[in-house]
């Protein structure tokens, strides 16, 4: 997996994509419905950002039935993985990242219980 540094940082420069990246770094894998619920944004807007992130090589998808799940691409360069891990540590306790984690934690009917049904 080779993503140019400029494109990597361009993806993280957008506040919505940064929040998505932090959630994926913390949670591992999330479905679109979890992201729309957590970020309180429309599904088309979340999907547009995820599409850009997928095209850049930042995220990878997995389809399960009619649901699409996203995670940070496991083949990101080591320095990119280190940047994401450092950002998660550095942004811990800061708004809106703390609130995002709290909203996701109390989301009813998460994927294990067919969240998007």
PDB file of N, CA and C in Angstrom:
ATOM      1  N   UNK A   1       0.855  -1.174   0.000  1.00  0.00           N
ATOM      2  CA  UNK A   1       0.000   0.000   0.000  1.00  0.00           C
ATOM      3  C   UNK A   1       0.894   1.228   0.000  1.00  0.00           C
ATOM      4  N   UNK A   2       0.748   2.075  -1.011  1.00  0.00           N
ATOM      5  CA  UNK A   2       1.556   3.288  -1.072  1.00  0.00           C
ATOM      6  C   UNK A   2       0.646   4.493  -1.273  1.00  0.00           C
ATOM      7  N   UNK A   3       0.486   5.243  -0.227  1.00  0.00           N
ATOM      8  CA  UNK A   3      -0.250   6.502  -0.278  1.00  0.00           C
ATOM      9  C   UNK A   3       0.771   7.613  -0.135  1.00  0.00           C
ATOM     10  N   UNK A   4       0.685   8.601  -1.000  1.00  0.00           N
ATOM     11  CA  UNK A   4       1.608   9.730  -0.928  1.00  0.00           C
ATOM     12  C   UNK A   4       1.393  10.499   0.367  1.00  0.00           C
ATOM     13  N   UNK A   5       2.470  11.009   0.974  1.00  0.00           N
ATOM     14  CA  UNK A   5       2.332  11.768   2.222  1.00  0.00           C
ATOM     15  C   UNK A   5       1.365  12.944   2.110  1.00  0.00           C
ATOM     16  N   UNK A   6       1.411  13.658   0.991  1.00  0.00           N
ATOM     17  CA  UNK A   6       0.535  14.811   0.814  1.00  0.00           C
ATOM     18  C   UNK A   6      -0.930  14.399   0.847  1.00  0.00           C
ATOM     19  N   UNK A   7      -1.252  13.287   0.190  1.00  0.00           N
ATOM     20  CA  UNK A   7      -2.628  12.798   0.157  1.00  0.00           C
ATOM     21  C   UNK A   7      -3.057  12.306   1.538  1.00  0.00           C
ATOM     22  N   UNK A   8      -2.171  11.632   2.238  1.00  0.00           N
ATOM     23  CA  UNK A   8      -2.456  11.162   3.590  1.00  0.00           C
ATOM     24  C   UNK A   8      -2.843  12.342   4.486  1.00  0.00           C
ATOM     25  N   UNK A   9      -2.028  13.389   4.480  1.00  0.00           N
ATOM     26  CA  UNK A   9      -2.314  14.537   5.337  1.00  0.00           C
ATOM     27  C   UNK A   9      -3.507  15.345   4.834  1.00  0.00           C
ATOM     28  N   UNK A  10      -3.743  15.337   3.527  1.00  0.00           N
ATOM     29  CA  UNK A  10      -4.933  15.998   2.985  1.00  0.00           C
ATOM     30  C   UNK A  10      -6.193  15.308   3.504  1.00  0.00           C
ATOM     31  N   UNK A  11      -6.178  13.996   3.577  1.00  0.00           N
ATOM     32  CA  UNK A  11      -7.332  13.269   4.101  1.00  0.00           C
ATOM     33  C   UNK A  11      -7.581  13.630   5.562  1.00  0.00           C
ATOM     34  N   UNK A  12      -6.531  13.788   6.344  1.00  0.00           N
ATOM     35  CA  UNK A  12      -6.672  14.095   7.764  1.00  0.00           C
ATOM     36  C   UNK A  12      -6.940  15.573   8.023  1.00  0.00           C
ATOM     37  N   UNK A  13      -6.751  16.427   7.017  1.00  0.00           N
ATOM     38  CA  UNK A  13      -6.938  17.868   7.203  1.00  0.00           C
ATOM     39  C   UNK A  13      -8.409  18.256   7.302  1.00  0.00           C
ATOM     40  N   UNK A  14      -9.296  17.416   6.794  1.00  0.00           N
ATOM     41  CA  UNK A  14     -10.727  17.703   6.871  1.00  0.00           C
ATOM     42  C   UNK A  14     -11.243  17.265   8.241  1.00  0.00           C
ATOM     43  N   UNK A  15     -11.987  18.122   8.951  1.00  0.00           N
ATOM     44  CA  UNK A  15     -12.457  17.764  10.296  1.00  0.00           C
ATOM     45  C   UNK A  15     -13.293  16.484  10.350  1.00  0.00           C
ATOM     46  N   UNK A  16     -14.158  16.269   9.375  1.00  0.00           N
ATOM     47  CA  UNK A  16     -14.986  15.056   9.380  1.00  0.00           C
ATOM     48  C   UNK A  16     -14.129  13.823   9.155  1.00  0.00           C
ATOM     49  N   UNK A  17     -13.223  13.881   8.190  1.00  0.00           N
ATOM     50  CA  UNK A  17     -12.357  12.725   7.933  1.00  0.00           C
ATOM     51  C   UNK A  17     -11.407  12.468   9.104  1.00  0.00           C
ATOM     52  N   UNK A  18     -10.986  13.521   9.782  1.00  0.00           N
ATOM     53  CA  UNK A  18     -10.149  13.337  10.968  1.00  0.00           C
ATOM     54  C   UNK A  18     -10.925  12.617  12.064  1.00  0.00           C
ATOM     55  N   UNK A  19     -12.166  13.027  12.281  1.00  0.00           N
ATOM     56  CA  UNK A  19     -12.997  12.364  13.294  1.00  0.00           C
ATOM     57  C   UNK A  19     -13.241  10.902  12.929  1.00  0.00           C
ATOM     58  N   UNK A  20     -13.522  10.637  11.664  1.00  0.00           N
ATOM     59  CA  UNK A  20     -13.708   9.255  11.210  1.00  0.00           C
ATOM     60  C   UNK A  20     -12.428   8.454  11.451  1.00  0.00           C
ATOM     61  N   UNK A  21     -11.295   9.027  11.101  1.00  0.00           N
ATOM     62  CA  UNK A  21     -10.013   8.337  11.282  1.00  0.00           C
ATOM     63  C   UNK A  21      -9.755   8.013  12.742  1.00  0.00           C
ATOM     64  N   UNK A  22     -10.066   8.946  13.626  1.00  0.00           N
ATOM     65  CA  UNK A  22      -9.840   8.715  15.053  1.00  0.00           C
ATOM     66  C   UNK A  22     -10.766   7.618  15.583  1.00  0.00           C
ATOM     67  N   UNK A  23     -12.013   7.612  15.106  1.00  0.00           N
ATOM     68  CA  UNK A  23     -12.939   6.553  15.518  1.00  0.00           C
ATOM     69  C   UNK A  23     -12.471   5.188  15.020  1.00  0.00           C
ATOM     70  N   UNK A  24     -12.015   5.130  13.777  1.00  0.00           N
ATOM     71  CA  UNK A  24     -11.535   3.861  13.231  1.00  0.00           C
ATOM     72  C   UNK A  24     -10.253   3.414  13.927  1.00  0.00           C
ATOM     73  N   UNK A  25      -9.389   4.351  14.253  1.00  0.00           N
ATOM     74  CA  UNK A  25      -8.160   4.002  14.972  1.00  0.00           C
ATOM     75  C   UNK A  25      -8.500   3.408  16.339  1.00  0.00           C
ATOM     76  N   UNK A  26      -9.492   3.983  16.995  1.00  0.00           N
ATOM     77  CA  UNK A  26      -9.867   3.530  18.338  1.00  0.00           C
ATOM     78  C   UNK A  26     -10.683   2.242  18.314  1.00  0.00           C
ATOM     79  N   UNK A  27     -11.572   2.102  17.326  1.00  0.00           N
ATOM     80  CA  UNK A  27     -12.527   0.993  17.316  1.00  0.00           C
ATOM     81  C   UNK A  27     -12.124  -0.172  16.422  1.00  0.00           C
ATOM     82  N   UNK A  28     -11.286   0.067  15.459  1.00  0.00           N
ATOM     83  CA  UNK A  28     -10.884  -0.994  14.539  1.00  0.00           C
ATOM     84  C   UNK A  28     -11.725  -1.017  13.283  1.00  0.00           C
ATOM     85  N   UNK A  29     -13.010  -1.241  13.413  1.00  0.00           N
ATOM     86  CA  UNK A  29     -13.906  -1.327  12.254  1.00  0.00           C
ATOM     87  C   UNK A  29     -15.277  -0.821  12.658  1.00  0.00           C
ATOM     88  N   UNK A  30     -15.870  -0.018  11.777  1.00  0.00           N
ATOM     89  CA  UNK A  30     -17.210   0.523  12.034  1.00  0.00           C
ATOM     90  C   UNK A  30     -18.022   0.485  10.751  1.00  0.00           C
ATOM     91  N   UNK A  31     -19.334   0.356  10.906  1.00  0.00           N
ATOM     92  CA  UNK A  31     -20.206   0.424   9.735  1.00  0.00           C
ATOM     93  C   UNK A  31     -20.653   1.873   9.540  1.00  0.00           C
ATOM     94  N   UNK A  32     -21.179   2.141   8.374  1.00  0.00           N
ATOM     95  CA  UNK A  32     -21.606   3.496   8.036  1.00  0.00           C
ATOM     96  C   UNK A  32     -22.641   3.999   9.033  1.00  0.00           C
ATOM     97  N   UNK A  33     -23.555   3.134   9.458  1.00  0.00           N
ATOM     98  CA  UNK A  33     -24.599   3.583  10.384  1.00  0.00           C
ATOM     99  C   UNK A  33     -24.020   4.034  11.716  1.00  0.00           C
ATOM    100  N   UNK A  34     -22.950   3.386  12.171  1.00  0.00           N
ATOM    101  CA  UNK A  34     -22.310   3.807  13.420  1.00  0.00           C
ATOM    102  C   UNK A  34     -21.687   5.190  13.261  1.00  0.00           C
ATOM    103  N   UNK A  35     -21.096   5.433  12.109  1.00  0.00           N
ATOM    104  CA  UNK A  35     -20.478   6.740  11.869  1.00  0.00           C
ATOM    105  C   UNK A  35     -21.525   7.838  11.714  1.00  0.00           C
ATOM    106  N   UNK A  36     -22.614   7.558  11.004  1.00  0.00           N
ATOM    107  CA  UNK A  36     -23.655   8.583  10.859  1.00  0.00           C
ATOM    108  C   UNK A  36     -24.273   8.905  12.213  1.00  0.00           C
ATOM    109  N   UNK A  37     -24.491   7.891  13.037  1.00  0.00           N
ATOM    110  CA  UNK A  37     -25.056   8.113  14.371  1.00  0.00           C
ATOM    111  C   UNK A  37     -24.091   8.932  15.228  1.00  0.00           C
ATOM    112  N   UNK A  38     -22.848   8.521  15.261  1.00  0.00           N
ATOM    113  CA  UNK A  38     -21.858   9.150  16.132  1.00  0.00           C
ATOM    114  C   UNK A  38     -21.580  10.589  15.734  1.00  0.00           C
ATOM    115  N   UNK A  39     -21.429  10.842  14.451  1.00  0.00           N
ATOM    116  CA  UNK A  39     -21.065  12.180  13.985  1.00  0.00           C
ATOM    117  C   UNK A  39     -22.280  13.059  13.707  1.00  0.00           C
ATOM    118  N   UNK A  40     -23.478  12.485  13.788  1.00  0.00           N
ATOM    119  CA  UNK A  40     -24.725  13.216  13.535  1.00  0.00           C
ATOM    120  C   UNK A  40     -24.695  13.900  12.167  1.00  0.00           C
ATOM    121  N   UNK A  41     -24.240  13.144  11.173  1.00  0.00           N
ATOM    122  CA  UNK A  41     -24.202  13.631   9.801  1.00  0.00           C
ATOM    123  C   UNK A  41     -25.003  12.679   8.923  1.00  0.00           C
ATOM    124  N   UNK A  42     -25.413  13.157   7.764  1.00  0.00           N
ATOM    125  CA  UNK A  42     -26.215  12.331   6.865  1.00  0.00           C
ATOM    126  C   UNK A  42     -25.379  11.189   6.282  1.00  0.00           C
ATOM    127  N   UNK A  43     -26.075  10.124   5.913  1.00  0.00           N
ATOM    128  CA  UNK A  43     -25.401   8.973   5.317  1.00  0.00           C
ATOM    129  C   UNK A  43     -24.676   9.356   4.026  1.00  0.00           C
ATOM    130  N   UNK A  44     -25.291  10.164   3.128  1.00  0.00           N
ATOM    131  CA  UNK A  44     -24.554  10.537   1.913  1.00  0.00           C
ATOM    132  C   UNK A  44     -23.261  11.310   2.207  1.00  0.00           C
ATOM    133  N   UNK A  45     -23.297  12.181   3.201  1.00  0.00           N
ATOM    134  CA  UNK A  45     -22.091  12.948   3.533  1.00  0.00           C
ATOM    135  C   UNK A  45     -21.002  12.028   4.081  1.00  0.00           C
ATOM    136  N   UNK A  46     -21.365  11.129   4.992  1.00  0.00           N
ATOM    137  CA  UNK A  46     -20.393  10.172   5.536  1.00  0.00           C
ATOM    138  C   UNK A  46     -19.852   9.292   4.415  1.00  0.00           C
ATOM    139  N   UNK A  47     -20.729   8.801   3.555  1.00  0.00           N
ATOM    140  CA  UNK A  47     -20.301   7.927   2.459  1.00  0.00           C
ATOM    141  C   UNK A  47     -19.363   8.646   1.498  1.00  0.00           C
ATOM    142  N   UNK A  48     -19.608   9.927   1.253  1.00  0.00           N
ATOM    143  CA  UNK A  48     -18.728  10.707   0.371  1.00  0.00           C
ATOM    144  C   UNK A  48     -17.323  10.791   0.970  1.00  0.00           C
ATOM    145  N   UNK A  49     -17.251  11.094   2.257  1.00  0.00           N
ATOM    146  CA  UNK A  49     -15.945  11.171   2.921  1.00  0.00           C
ATOM    147  C   UNK A  49     -15.259   9.803   2.935  1.00  0.00           C
ATOM    148  N   UNK A  50     -16.007   8.759   3.226  1.00  0.00           N
ATOM    149  CA  UNK A  50     -15.428   7.415   3.236  1.00  0.00           C
ATOM    150  C   UNK A  50     -14.943   7.011   1.845  1.00  0.00           C
ATOM    151  N   UNK A  51     -15.674   7.412   0.817  1.00  0.00           N
ATOM    152  CA  UNK A  51     -15.247   7.137  -0.552  1.00  0.00           C
ATOM    153  C   UNK A  51     -13.915   7.803  -0.867  1.00  0.00           C
ATOM    154  N   UNK A  52     -13.761   9.045  -0.436  1.00  0.00           N
ATOM    155  CA  UNK A  52     -12.489   9.747  -0.638  1.00  0.00           C
ATOM    156  C   UNK A  52     -11.365   9.052   0.124  1.00  0.00           C
ATOM    157  N   UNK A  53     -11.669   8.626   1.331  1.00  0.00           N
ATOM    158  CA  UNK A  53     -10.663   7.939   2.147  1.00  0.00           C
ATOM    159  C   UNK A  53     -10.290   6.590   1.537  1.00  0.00           C
ATOM    160  N   UNK A  54     -11.266   5.905   0.961  1.00  0.00           N
ATOM    161  CA  UNK A  54     -11.000   4.617   0.310  1.00  0.00           C
ATOM    162  C   UNK A  54     -10.145   4.826  -0.945  1.00  0.00           C
ATOM    163  N   UNK A  55     -10.497   5.829  -1.750  1.00  0.00           N
ATOM    164  CA  UNK A  55      -9.733   6.107  -2.969  1.00  0.00           C
ATOM    165  C   UNK A  55      -8.292   6.496  -2.662  1.00  0.00           C
ATOM    166  N   UNK A  56      -8.079   7.150  -1.533  1.00  0.00           N
ATOM    167  CA  UNK A  56      -6.724   7.569  -1.153  1.00  0.00           C
ATOM    168  C   UNK A  56      -5.904   6.417  -0.582  1.00  0.00           C
ATOM    169  N   UNK A  57      -6.568   5.310  -0.248  1.00  0.00           N
ATOM    170  CA  UNK A  57      -5.880   4.173   0.341  1.00  0.00           C
ATOM    171  C   UNK A  57      -5.829   4.204   1.854  1.00  0.00           C
ATOM    172  N   UNK A  58      -6.508   5.168   2.463  1.00  0.00           N
ATOM    173  CA  UNK A  58      -6.488   5.287   3.920  1.00  0.00           C
ATOM    174  C   UNK A  58      -7.357   4.233   4.597  1.00  0.00           C
ATOM    175  N   UNK A  59      -8.493   3.888   3.977  1.00  0.00           N
ATOM    176  CA  UNK A  59      -9.383   2.898   4.576  1.00  0.00           C
ATOM    177  C   UNK A  59      -9.619   1.732   3.628  1.00  0.00           C
ATOM    178  N   UNK A  60     -10.052   0.645   4.214  1.00  0.00           N
ATOM    179  CA  UNK A  60     -10.397  -0.576   3.488  1.00  0.00           C
ATOM    180  C   UNK A  60     -11.835  -0.929   3.859  1.00  0.00           C
ATOM    181  N   UNK A  61     -12.543  -1.545   2.928  1.00  0.00           N
ATOM    182  CA  UNK A  61     -13.942  -1.889   3.169  1.00  0.00           C
ATOM    183  C   UNK A  61     -14.123  -3.396   3.269  1.00  0.00           C
ATOM    184  N   UNK A  62     -15.238  -3.735   3.918  1.00  0.00           N
ATOM    185  CA  UNK A  62     -15.672  -5.131   3.996  1.00  0.00           C
ATOM    186  C   UNK A  62     -17.190  -5.108   3.945  1.00  0.00           C
ATOM    187  N   UNK A  63     -17.746  -5.892   3.028  1.00  0.00           N
ATOM    188  CA  UNK A  63     -19.195  -5.976   2.918  1.00  0.00           C
ATOM    189  C   UNK A  63     -19.679  -7.194   3.692  1.00  0.00           C
ATOM    190  N   UNK A  64     -20.736  -6.979   4.468  1.00  0.00           N
ATOM    191  CA  UNK A  64     -21.399  -8.068   5.188  1.00  0.00           C
ATOM    192  C   UNK A  64     -22.885  -7.928   4.885  1.00  0.00           C
ATOM    193  N   UNK A  65     -23.377  -8.760   3.967  1.00  0.00           N
ATOM    194  CA  UNK A  65     -24.759  -8.617   3.530  1.00  0.00           C
ATOM    195  C   UNK A  65     -24.921  -7.290   2.810  1.00  0.00           C
ATOM    196  N   UNK A  66     -25.846  -6.486   3.280  1.00  0.00           N
ATOM    197  CA  UNK A  66     -26.043  -5.184   2.636  1.00  0.00           C
ATOM    198  C   UNK A  66     -25.330  -4.059   3.370  1.00  0.00           C
ATOM    199  N   UNK A  67     -24.544  -4.386   4.384  1.00  0.00           N
ATOM    200  CA  UNK A  67     -23.841  -3.375   5.171  1.00  0.00           C
ATOM    201  C   UNK A  67     -22.377  -3.299   4.764  1.00  0.00           C
ATOM    202  N   UNK A  68     -21.868  -2.070   4.786  1.00  0.00           N
ATOM    203  CA  UNK A  68     -20.471  -1.833   4.451  1.00  0.00           C
ATOM    204  C   UNK A  68     -19.732  -1.406   5.715  1.00  0.00           C
ATOM    205  N   UNK A  69     -18.634  -2.074   5.974  1.00  0.00           N
ATOM    206  CA  UNK A  69     -17.800  -1.777   7.136  1.00  0.00           C
ATOM    207  C   UNK A  69     -16.474  -1.186   6.671  1.00  0.00           C
ATOM    208  N   UNK A  70     -15.951  -0.275   7.463  1.00  0.00           N
ATOM    209  CA  UNK A  70     -14.704   0.409   7.136  1.00  0.00           C
ATOM    210  C   UNK A  70     -13.703   0.245   8.266  1.00  0.00           C
ATOM    211  N   UNK A  71     -12.434   0.164   7.881  1.00  0.00           N
ATOM    212  CA  UNK A  71     -11.339   0.159   8.843  1.00  0.00           C
ATOM    213  C   UNK A  71     -10.152   0.842   8.184  1.00  0.00           C
ATOM    214  N   UNK A  72      -9.219   1.303   9.013  1.00  0.00           N
ATOM    215  CA  UNK A  72      -7.992   1.849   8.458  1.00  0.00           C
ATOM    216  C   UNK A  72      -7.283   0.739   7.705  1.00  0.00           C
ATOM    217  N   UNK A  73      -6.704   1.081   6.576  1.00  0.00           N
ATOM    218  CA  UNK A  73      -6.068   0.058   5.744  1.00  0.00           C
ATOM    219  C   UNK A  73      -4.914  -0.581   6.513  1.00  0.00           C
ATOM    220  N   UNK A  74      -4.917  -1.907   6.626  1.00  0.00           N
ATOM    221  CA  UNK A  74      -3.868  -2.581   7.407  1.00  0.00           C
ATOM    222  C   UNK A  74      -2.479  -2.471   6.785  1.00  0.00           C
ATOM    223  N   UNK A  75      -2.405  -2.128   5.505  1.00  0.00           N
ATOM    224  CA  UNK A  75      -1.112  -2.032   4.829  1.00  0.00           C
ATOM    225  C   UNK A  75      -0.594  -0.605   4.729  1.00  0.00           C
ATOM    226  N   UNK A  76      -1.143   0.307   5.558  1.00  0.00           N
ATOM    227  CA  UNK A  76      -0.583   1.654   5.584  1.00  0.00           C
ATOM    228  C   UNK A  76       0.886   1.572   5.966  1.00  0.00           C
ATOM    229  N   UNK A  77       1.663   2.494   5.447  1.00  0.00           N
ATOM    230  CA  UNK A  77       3.083   2.527   5.776  1.00  0.00           C
ATOM    231  C   UNK A  77       3.256   2.697   7.288  1.00  0.00           C
ATOM    232  N   UNK A  78       4.299   2.126   7.852  1.00  0.00           N
ATOM    233  CA  UNK A  78       4.497   2.204   9.304  1.00  0.00           C
ATOM    234  C   UNK A  78       4.472   3.623   9.861  1.00  0.00           C
ATOM    235  N   UNK A  79       5.040   4.580   9.129  1.00  0.00           N
ATOM    236  CA  UNK A  79       5.028   5.949   9.650  1.00  0.00           C
ATOM    237  C   UNK A  79       3.608   6.500   9.696  1.00  0.00           C
ATOM    238  N   UNK A  80       2.747   6.097   8.758  1.00  0.00           N
ATOM    239  CA  UNK A  80       1.352   6.538   8.766  1.00  0.00           C
ATOM    240  C   UNK A  80       0.617   5.933   9.961  1.00  0.00           C
ATOM    241  N   UNK A  81       0.857   4.657  10.215  1.00  0.00           N
ATOM    242  CA  UNK A  81       0.252   4.018  11.379  1.00  0.00           C
ATOM    243  C   UNK A  81       0.706   4.701  12.664  1.00  0.00           C
ATOM    244  N   UNK A  82       1.977   5.091  12.714  1.00  0.00           N
ATOM    245  CA  UNK A  82       2.500   5.780  13.900  1.00  0.00           C
ATOM    246  C   UNK A  82       1.857   7.153  14.065  1.00  0.00           C
ATOM    247  N   UNK A  83       1.650   7.867  12.965  1.00  0.00           N
ATOM    248  CA  UNK A  83       0.986   9.176  13.028  1.00  0.00           C
ATOM    249  C   UNK A  83      -0.428   9.016  13.572  1.00  0.00           C
ATOM    250  N   UNK A  84      -1.168   8.047  13.061  1.00  0.00           N
ATOM    251  CA  UNK A  84      -2.543   7.830  13.516  1.00  0.00           C
ATOM    252  C   UNK A  84      -2.588   7.435  14.990  1.00  0.00           C
ATOM    253  N   UNK A  85      -1.693   6.570  15.411  1.00  0.00           N
ATOM    254  CA  UNK A  85      -1.654   6.166  16.822  1.00  0.00           C
ATOM    255  C   UNK A  85      -1.293   7.350  17.709  1.00  0.00           C
ATOM    256  N   UNK A  86      -0.348   8.153  17.260  1.00  0.00           N
ATOM    257  CA  UNK A  86       0.058   9.331  18.031  1.00  0.00           C
ATOM    258  C   UNK A  86      -1.068  10.354  18.110  1.00  0.00           C
ATOM    259  N   UNK A  87      -1.805  10.517  17.017  1.00  0.00           N
ATOM    260  CA  UNK A  87      -2.938  11.445  17.022  1.00  0.00           C
ATOM    261  C   UNK A  87      -4.001  10.977  18.000  1.00  0.00           C
ATOM    262  N   UNK A  88      -4.277   9.688  18.023  1.00  0.00           N
ATOM    263  CA  UNK A  88      -5.279   9.164  18.942  1.00  0.00           C
ATOM    264  C   UNK A  88      -4.869   9.448  20.385  1.00  0.00           C
ATOM    265  N   UNK A  89      -3.613   9.210  20.696  1.00  0.00           N
ATOM    266  CA  UNK A  89      -3.115   9.497  22.047  1.00  0.00           C
ATOM    267  C   UNK A  89      -3.149  10.993  22.339  1.00  0.00           C
ATOM    268  N   UNK A  90      -2.696  11.790  21.384  1.00  0.00           N
ATOM    269  CA  UNK A  90      -2.610  13.230  21.589  1.00  0.00           C
ATOM    270  C   UNK A  90      -3.950  13.927  21.680  1.00  0.00           C
ATOM    271  N   UNK A  91      -4.951  13.388  21.002  1.00  0.00           N
ATOM    272  CA  UNK A  91      -6.279  14.014  20.987  1.00  0.00           C
ATOM    273  C   UNK A  91      -7.204  13.449  22.058  1.00  0.00           C
ATOM    274  N   UNK A  92      -6.741  12.451  22.791  1.00  0.00           N
ATOM    275  CA  UNK A  92      -7.562  11.864  23.862  1.00  0.00           C
ATOM    276  C   UNK A  92      -7.955  12.951  24.853  1.00  0.00           C
ATOM    277  N   UNK A  93      -9.217  12.979  25.176  1.00  0.00           N
ATOM    278  CA  UNK A  93      -9.714  13.958  26.134  1.00  0.00           C
ATOM    279  C   UNK A  93     -10.089  15.292  25.524  1.00  0.00           C
ATOM    280  N   UNK A  94      -9.890  15.447  24.221  1.00  0.00           N
ATOM    281  CA  UNK A  94     -10.224  16.710  23.570  1.00  0.00           C
ATOM    282  C   UNK A  94     -11.540  16.589  22.810  1.00  0.00           C
ATOM    283  N   UNK A  95     -12.226  17.708  22.724  1.00  0.00           N
ATOM    284  CA  UNK A  95     -13.470  17.776  21.971  1.00  0.00           C
ATOM    285  C   UNK A  95     -13.129  17.946  20.490  1.00  0.00           C
ATOM    286  N   UNK A  96     -13.848  17.317  19.583  1.00  0.00           N
ATOM    287  CA  UNK A  96     -15.055  16.511  19.728  1.00  0.00           C
ATOM    288  C   UNK A  96     -14.778  15.014  19.875  1.00  0.00           C
ATOM    289  N   UNK A  97     -13.515  14.629  19.977  1.00  0.00           N
ATOM    290  CA  UNK A  97     -13.146  13.213  19.927  1.00  0.00           C
ATOM    291  C   UNK A  97     -13.657  12.436  21.139  1.00  0.00           C
ATOM    292  N   UNK A  98     -13.609  13.060  22.307  1.00  0.00           N
ATOM    293  CA  UNK A  98     -14.129  12.410  23.509  1.00  0.00           C
ATOM    294  C   UNK A  98     -15.631  12.201  23.388  1.00  0.00           C
ATOM    295  N   UNK A  99     -16.334  13.233  22.915  1.00  0.00           N
ATOM    296  CA  UNK A  99     -17.782  13.128  22.749  1.00  0.00           C
ATOM    297  C   UNK A  99     -18.139  12.065  21.716  1.00  0.00           C
ATOM    298  N   UNK A 100     -17.365  11.998  20.635  1.00  0.00           N
ATOM    299  CA  UNK A 100     -17.621  10.973  19.615  1.00  0.00           C
ATOM    300  C   UNK A 100     -17.544   9.578  20.228  1.00  0.00           C
ATOM    301  N   UNK A 101     -16.519   9.336  21.020  1.00  0.00           N
ATOM    302  CA  UNK A 101     -16.358   8.023  21.658  1.00  0.00           C
ATOM    303  C   UNK A 101     -17.511   7.728  22.607  1.00  0.00           C
ATOM    304  N   UNK A 102     -17.970   8.750  23.323  1.00  0.00           N
ATOM    305  CA  UNK A 102     -19.076   8.561  24.263  1.00  0.00           C
ATOM    306  C   UNK A 102     -20.382   8.267  23.534  1.00  0.00           C
ATOM    307  N   UNK A 103     -20.646   8.998  22.462  1.00  0.00           N
ATOM    308  CA  UNK A 103     -21.876   8.779  21.682  1.00  0.00           C
ATOM    309  C   UNK A 103     -21.873   7.367  21.094  1.00  0.00           C
ATOM    310  N   UNK A 104     -20.750   6.955  20.551  1.00  0.00           N
ATOM    311  CA  UNK A 104     -20.657   5.614  19.978  1.00  0.00           C
ATOM    312  C   UNK A 104     -20.836   4.543  21.053  1.00  0.00           C
ATOM    313  N   UNK A 105     -20.274   4.768  22.219  1.00  0.00           N
ATOM    314  CA  UNK A 105     -20.340   3.775  23.296  1.00  0.00           C
ATOM    315  C   UNK A 105     -21.763   3.495  23.756  1.00  0.00           C
ATOM    316  N   UNK A 106     -22.634   4.485  23.668  1.00  0.00           N
ATOM    317  CA  UNK A 106     -24.015   4.293  24.135  1.00  0.00           C
ATOM    318  C   UNK A 106     -24.999   4.105  22.979  1.00  0.00           C
ATOM    319  N   UNK A 107     -24.485   3.945  21.767  1.00  0.00           N
ATOM    320  CA  UNK A 107     -25.367   3.738  20.615  1.00  0.00           C
ATOM    321  C   UNK A 107     -26.131   2.433  20.785  1.00  0.00           C
ATOM    322  N   UNK A 108     -27.464   2.493  20.703  1.00  0.00           N
ATOM    323  CA  UNK A 108     -28.241   1.254  20.798  1.00  0.00           C
ATOM    324  C   UNK A 108     -28.108   0.425  19.519  1.00  0.00           C
ATOM    325  N   UNK A 109     -28.253  -0.859  19.657  1.00  0.00           N
ATOM    326  CA  UNK A 109     -28.291  -1.775  18.504  1.00  0.00           C
ATOM    327  C   UNK A 109     -27.068  -1.662  17.608  1.00  0.00           C
ATOM    328  N   UNK A 110     -25.885  -1.694  18.204  1.00  0.00           N
ATOM    329  CA  UNK A 110     -24.649  -1.666  17.413  1.00  0.00           C
ATOM    330  C   UNK A 110     -24.531  -2.950  16.603  1.00  0.00           C
ATOM    331  N   UNK A 111     -23.569  -3.047  15.685  1.00  0.00           N
ATOM    332  CA  UNK A 111     -23.503  -4.158  14.733  1.00  0.00           C
ATOM    333  C   UNK A 111     -23.701  -5.552  15.296  1.00  0.00           C
ATOM    334  N   UNK A 112     -23.202  -5.830  16.473  1.00  0.00           N
ATOM    335  CA  UNK A 112     -23.400  -7.155  17.051  1.00  0.00           C
ATOM    336  C   UNK A 112     -24.868  -7.492  17.215  1.00  0.00           C
ATOM    337  N   UNK A 113     -25.699  -6.447  17.278  1.00  0.00           N
ATOM    338  CA  UNK A 113     -27.144  -6.633  17.421  1.00  0.00           C
ATOM    339  C   UNK A 113     -27.872  -6.132  16.180  1.00  0.00           C
ATOM    340  N   UNK A 114     -27.227  -6.217  15.024  1.00  0.00           N
ATOM    341  CA  UNK A 114     -27.814  -5.770  13.750  1.00  0.00           C
ATOM    342  C   UNK A 114     -28.168  -4.292  13.786  1.00  0.00           C
ATOM    343  N   UNK A 115     -27.158  -3.465  13.964  1.00  0.00           N
ATOM    344  CA  UNK A 115     -27.369  -2.027  14.149  1.00  0.00           C
ATOM    345  C   UNK A 115     -28.145  -1.382  13.018  1.00  0.00           C
ATOM    346  N   UNK A 116     -27.943  -1.817  11.829  1.00  0.00           N
ATOM    347  CA  UNK A 116     -28.495  -1.086  10.698  1.00  0.00           C
ATOM    348  C   UNK A 116     -29.784  -1.698  10.162  1.00  0.00           C
ATOM    349  N   UNK A 117     -30.323  -2.617  10.847  1.00  0.00           N
ATOM    350  CA  UNK A 117     -31.512  -3.315  10.346  1.00  0.00           C
ATOM    351  C   UNK A 117     -32.731  -2.428  10.359  1.00  0.00           C
TER     352      UNK A 117
END
